[in-house]
Each structure stands twice: as C-alpha cells, then as structure tokens.
C-alpha atoms as a PDB file:
ATOM      1  CA  MET A   1     133.668 121.301  59.959  1.00  0.00           C
ATOM      2  CA  SER A   2     133.426 120.595  56.257  1.00  0.00           C
ATOM      3  CA  TRP A   3     130.434 118.620  54.976  1.00  0.00           C
ATOM      4  CA  ARG A   4     132.946 115.983  53.876  1.00  0.00           C
ATOM      5  CA  GLU A   5     134.031 115.469  57.482  1.00  0.00           C
ATOM      6  CA  ILE A   6     130.529 114.750  58.809  1.00  0.00           C
ATOM      7  CA  LYS A   7     130.170 111.222  60.093  1.00  0.00           C
ATOM      8  CA  HIS A   8     126.925 109.259  60.327  1.00  0.00           C
ATOM      9  CA  GLU A   9     126.644 109.937  64.060  1.00  0.00           C
ATOM     10  CA  ASP A  10     126.807 113.696  63.354  1.00  0.00           C
ATOM     11  CA  VAL A  11     123.677 113.667  61.170  1.00  0.00           C
ATOM     12  CA  TYR A  12     120.480 115.086  62.676  1.00  0.00           C
ATOM     13  CA  SER A  13     117.512 112.789  63.238  1.00  0.00           C
ATOM     14  CA  ASP A  14     114.184 113.949  61.806  1.00  0.00           C
ATOM     15  CA  GLU A  15     113.081 115.096  65.270  1.00  0.00           C
ATOM     16  CA  GLN A  16     116.313 117.054  65.850  1.00  0.00           C
ATOM     17  CA  LEU A  17     116.059 118.599  62.405  1.00  0.00           C
ATOM     18  CA  LYS A  18     112.440 119.664  62.916  1.00  0.00           C
ATOM     19  CA  ALA A  19     113.363 121.262  66.261  1.00  0.00           C
ATOM     20  CA  ARG A  20     116.332 123.042  64.686  1.00  0.00           C
ATOM     21  CA  LEU A  21     114.192 124.355  61.849  1.00  0.00           C
ATOM     22  CA  VAL A  22     111.593 125.700  64.303  1.00  0.00           C
ATOM     23  CA  ASP A  23     114.306 127.414  66.353  1.00  0.00           C
ATOM     24  CA  ASP A  24     116.539 128.745  63.578  1.00  0.00           C
ATOM     25  CA  LEU A  25     114.675 128.714  60.251  1.00  0.00           C
ATOM     26  CA  ALA A  26     111.031 129.364  60.998  1.00  0.00           C
ATOM     27  CA  HIS A  27     109.856 129.411  57.356  1.00  0.00           C
ATOM     28  CA  TRP A  28     111.489 126.075  56.457  1.00  0.00           C
ATOM     29  CA  TYR A  29     109.970 122.641  57.075  1.00  0.00           C
ATOM     30  CA  LEU A  30     110.785 118.963  56.639  1.00  0.00           C
ATOM     31  CA  GLU A  31     108.574 117.074  54.189  1.00  0.00           C
ATOM     32  CA  ASN A  32     109.168 113.530  52.952  1.00  0.00           C
ATOM     33  CA  GLY A  33     112.877 113.738  53.784  1.00  0.00           C
ATOM     34  CA  TRP A  34     113.367 117.123  52.066  1.00  0.00           C
ATOM     35  CA  ILE A  35     113.991 120.482  53.696  1.00  0.00           C
ATOM     36  CA  ARG A  36     111.616 122.885  51.954  1.00  0.00           C
ATOM     37  CA  ARG A  37     110.474 126.474  51.835  1.00  0.00           C
ATOM     38  CA  GLN A  38     107.851 128.170  49.702  1.00  0.00           C
ATOM     39  CA  TYR A  39     108.265 131.635  48.269  1.00  0.00           C
ATOM     40  CA  LYS A  40     105.634 133.907  46.801  1.00  0.00           C
ATOM     41  CA  THR A  41     106.668 136.422  44.193  1.00  0.00           C
ATOM     42  CA  SER A  42     104.826 139.190  42.384  1.00  0.00           C
ATOM     43  CA  GLY A  43     104.868 137.340  39.067  1.00  0.00           C
ATOM     44  CA  TRP A  44     106.865 135.262  36.609  1.00  0.00           C
ATOM     45  CA  LYS A  45     109.617 137.873  36.147  1.00  0.00           C
ATOM     46  CA  ALA A  46     110.311 138.013  39.877  1.00  0.00           C
ATOM     47  CA  THR A  47     110.172 134.219  40.087  1.00  0.00           C
ATOM     48  CA  LEU A  48     112.731 133.920  37.295  1.00  0.00           C
ATOM     49  CA  MET A  49     115.032 136.388  39.069  1.00  0.00           C
ATOM     50  CA  VAL A  50     114.755 134.448  42.363  1.00  0.00           C
ATOM     51  CA  VAL A  51     115.463 131.099  40.684  1.00  0.00           C
ATOM     52  CA  ASN A  52     118.474 132.506  38.817  1.00  0.00           C
ATOM     53  CA  THR A  53     119.862 134.092  41.976  1.00  0.00           C
ATOM     54  CA  VAL A  54     119.458 130.909  44.026  1.00  0.00           C
ATOM     55  CA  GLY A  55     120.956 128.889  41.166  1.00  0.00           C
ATOM     56  CA  HIS A  56     123.990 131.171  41.010  1.00  0.00           C
ATOM     57  CA  LEU A  57     124.569 131.015  44.776  1.00  0.00           C
ATOM     58  CA  ALA A  58     124.068 127.240  44.804  1.00  0.00           C
ATOM     59  CA  GLU A  59     126.585 126.772  41.999  1.00  0.00           C
ATOM     60  CA  ALA A  60     129.131 128.882  43.880  1.00  0.00           C
ATOM     61  CA  ALA A  61     128.634 126.625  46.923  1.00  0.00           C
ATOM     62  CA  PHE A  62     128.781 123.396  44.851  1.00  0.00           C
ATOM     63  CA  HIS A  63     125.194 122.637  45.871  1.00  0.00           C
ATOM     64  CA  HIS A  64     122.346 121.903  43.500  1.00  0.00           C
ATOM     65  CA  PRO A  65     118.881 122.316  45.030  1.00  0.00           C
ATOM     66  CA  ASP A  66     115.728 120.941  43.448  1.00  0.00           C
ATOM     67  CA  PHE A  67     113.276 123.613  42.385  1.00  0.00           C
END
C-alpha cells in the first residue's frame, strides 16, 4: 500500500507504534511524536558522510527527515 492510500484508521496509535518499534526496530524510539534514533560516529568527517548518505536516500524516497 502506498503512503497516499493510508486512511486515518490505518495509522498506528502511540502504543502500537512503541510496540512495533520494540519488536522490529530496537534502536528507534518515540519521543514527543517523533520517531528517533541516535547515532555515534568517530568524528565530524564520519558524521558528515552519514548525514549526506541519509539525505541522498531520503531525497530518492521523497522523504525529508529532520536532523
């Protein structure tokens, strides 16, 4: 199903989302309505490479995450 086809009743509640994150995405968490994950890198060069890679993949998927 495309994200454009999702109806209100198909949206996860906060409790369902938290359970799904625990089961499927252990390093992600829900905070103040945002799905988040923290990454640690070896320094600013590695951080820049991660941000550019995520930005490229997000652009290809027509998604724009907040960093």
